[in-house]
Amino acid sequence: MSARENVLSKIRASMRVPSSDDKRREAVAARLENSPAGIIPGRAQLPKAGQVDLFCSMAEQFGATLARVSDYKAVAAEVTTYLRSHNLPAEIRMGADKRLKKAGWETEKNLEIRHGASDGGDLAGVSHAMAGIAETGTLALASGQDNPTTINFLPEHHIVVLKAGDIKGDMESVWAMLRKAQGKGEMPRAFNLITGPSRSGDIEQTILLGAHGPRALHVIVVD
């Protein structure tokens, strides 16, 4: 018996499980195949309008700022308004998301748009979320060329565009949405769940914004 097998046998003995893992493998395979949903909180089981309102309320509760616009053509103007209100240069970084391409950037003549992944030198980045989770005010962002993960973490200000129709009541619905979009058993390289700006209370239990990512999160909900 190898050292590895010896260690694993002792773990099995302490857990009082049989030496054969066949049944456990079958149980895991069945769970992966059937994708059973967890418990759905009552607060998430709302009509669509209620889910959107709850998302907005929870996002603001966790420190994000929020704006709602009527269509994608109004996104660029809202981005410019945000930059001006925070005394930021008229510069943003964003990926190749098709929805962002129709966001009315041609109306903002003084706005410089850089494309591709961030190298850490950008003050503001713009992403498009795959979904929002109403019960916690959480944004779900899938990695890729459309929305590089570096934009989620490196700029000090993260501006995220979210379609109201993509707001779900609970996290289980977002996983189902991801499986439908990617195909069962497939995942993007990274899938980030973001609730509010980056913060940490590790040092003397004092909240510090921007500890591990953006110090500010601005959400633009497109109705």
Foldseek 3Di string as FASTA:
>chain_A
DDPVLVVVVVVCVVVVHDPDCVVVVVVVVVCLVVVDDDDADPCLPDPLVSLLVLLQVLLVVQAAAEAEDAALLCQLVVVVVVCVVVVHQLEEEFFQAPSNVNNNNVVVPRHHYHYFADPLPAQEYEAEFQAAARNRSKTKHFDDRRGHCNRQFRHQEYEYEYESVRYGSHPSVVVVVQCVVQPRPDGGPDIDIDRFFDWDLPPVRDIDGNPGGHSHYYYYYHD
